[in-house]
Amino acid sequence: MIVCEFSIVPIGSGESLSSHVARCERIVRESGLPHRLTAMGTIVEGEWDEVLAVIRACHMAVRADVRRVSTLIRIDDREGPPGRLEQKVRSVEEKLRT
């Protein structure tokens, strides 16, 4: 299992990116993978091939609209069961209560 954060930026399409983000969020939701949309990117959890396939689909969807796209990917690869997306946040919240 990997937890992967990614952001896709169309170059030369103006200031507002929300339509591109919505298009990608739809792709991520349809994948069925655990995910979180944040103000600066999207976090997805799953197996290598399925996560990278979702990121590629998002990249190509944005690329269909513009001539240049920058995609940033950060991967946390750690052995263990699924559910790390939630567990990582829960761990910090528990520490904040003490």
Protein backbone atom coordinates (compact mmCIF):
# COMPACT_ATOMS: atom_id res chain seq x y z
CA MET A 1 0.00 0.00 0.00
CA ILE A 2 1.13 3.50 -0.76
CA VAL A 3 -0.20 6.88 0.23
CA CYS A 4 0.35 9.33 -2.56
CA GLU A 5 -0.19 13.08 -2.67
CA PHE A 6 -0.40 14.71 -6.06
CA SER A 7 -1.19 18.05 -7.60
CA ILE A 8 -1.72 18.85 -11.24
CA VAL A 9 -1.25 22.35 -12.58
CA PRO A 10 -2.25 23.33 -16.11
CA ILE A 11 0.20 25.87 -17.45
CA GLY A 12 -1.26 28.82 -19.32
CA SER A 13 -4.92 28.33 -18.46
CA GLY A 14 -5.41 31.33 -16.19
CA GLU A 15 -5.69 31.73 -12.44
CA SER A 16 -8.73 29.61 -11.61
CA LEU A 17 -8.05 25.88 -11.45
CA SER A 18 -11.29 24.69 -9.86
CA SER A 19 -12.75 23.24 -13.07
CA HIS A 20 -9.59 21.17 -13.59
CA VAL A 21 -9.58 20.09 -9.94
CA ALA A 22 -13.24 19.06 -10.15
CA ARG A 23 -12.54 17.01 -13.25
CA CYS A 24 -9.71 15.19 -11.46
CA GLU A 25 -11.72 14.76 -8.26
CA ARG A 26 -14.43 13.03 -10.28
CA ILE A 27 -11.83 10.58 -11.66
CA VAL A 28 -10.46 9.90 -8.17
CA ARG A 29 -13.94 9.35 -6.71
CA GLU A 30 -14.87 6.97 -9.51
CA SER A 31 -11.74 4.92 -8.75
CA GLY A 32 -13.17 3.94 -5.38
CA LEU A 33 -9.79 4.45 -3.69
CA PRO A 34 -9.62 6.12 -0.28
CA HIS A 35 -8.73 9.76 -0.85
CA ARG A 36 -8.77 13.30 0.53
CA LEU A 37 -9.02 16.51 -1.44
CA THR A 38 -7.00 19.30 0.17
CA ALA A 39 -6.45 22.93 -0.76
CA MET A 40 -3.07 22.10 -2.30
CA GLY A 41 -3.57 18.63 -3.78
CA THR A 42 -5.21 15.25 -3.48
CA ILE A 43 -4.09 12.31 -1.33
CA VAL A 44 -4.88 8.77 -2.51
CA GLU A 45 -4.23 5.40 -0.87
CA GLY A 46 -3.93 2.07 -2.65
CA GLU A 47 -1.68 -0.30 -4.53
CA TRP A 48 1.05 1.16 -6.77
CA ASP A 49 -0.57 0.35 -10.10
CA GLU A 50 -4.05 1.54 -9.21
CA VAL A 51 -2.86 4.79 -7.60
CA LEU A 52 -0.55 5.66 -10.47
CA ALA A 53 -3.29 4.79 -12.98
CA VAL A 54 -5.60 7.31 -11.27
CA ILE A 55 -2.92 10.00 -11.29
CA ARG A 56 -2.19 9.31 -14.96
CA ALA A 57 -5.90 9.55 -15.81
CA CYS A 58 -6.10 12.90 -14.01
CA HIS A 59 -2.97 14.17 -15.74
CA MET A 60 -4.25 13.15 -19.16
CA ALA A 61 -7.69 14.68 -18.50
CA VAL A 62 -6.10 18.05 -17.73
CA ARG A 63 -3.63 17.63 -20.60
CA ALA A 64 -6.58 17.24 -22.98
CA ASP A 65 -7.51 20.85 -22.19
CA VAL A 66 -4.10 22.56 -22.25
CA ARG A 67 -0.80 22.25 -24.05
CA ARG A 68 1.34 21.97 -20.91
CA VAL A 69 0.78 20.35 -17.51
CA SER A 70 2.96 20.09 -14.41
CA THR A 71 2.23 17.14 -12.11
CA LEU A 72 3.87 16.79 -8.72
CA ILE A 73 3.74 13.39 -6.99
CA ARG A 74 4.88 12.53 -3.46
CA ILE A 75 4.77 8.87 -2.39
CA ASP A 76 4.85 7.35 1.10
CA ASP A 77 5.65 3.66 0.61
CA ARG A 78 5.35 1.70 3.83
CA GLU A 79 4.47 -1.89 4.59
CA GLY A 80 1.26 -2.31 6.49
CA PRO A 81 -2.47 -2.69 6.19
CA PRO A 82 -4.76 -0.31 4.31
CA GLY A 83 -6.31 2.60 6.18
CA ARG A 84 -3.13 4.61 6.68
CA LEU A 85 -4.77 7.68 5.18
CA GLU A 86 -7.08 7.87 8.19
CA GLN A 87 -4.62 6.44 10.71
CA LYS A 88 -1.94 9.05 10.04
CA VAL A 89 -4.33 11.89 10.89
CA ARG A 90 -5.79 10.03 13.88
CA SER A 91 -2.29 9.51 15.31
CA VAL A 92 -1.55 13.24 15.27
CA GLU A 93 -4.96 14.10 16.73
CA GLU A 94 -4.38 11.65 19.60
CA LYS A 95 -1.06 13.30 20.39
CA LEU A 96 -2.72 16.72 20.40
CA ARG A 97 -5.12 15.56 23.12
CA THR A 98 -2.28 14.64 25.49
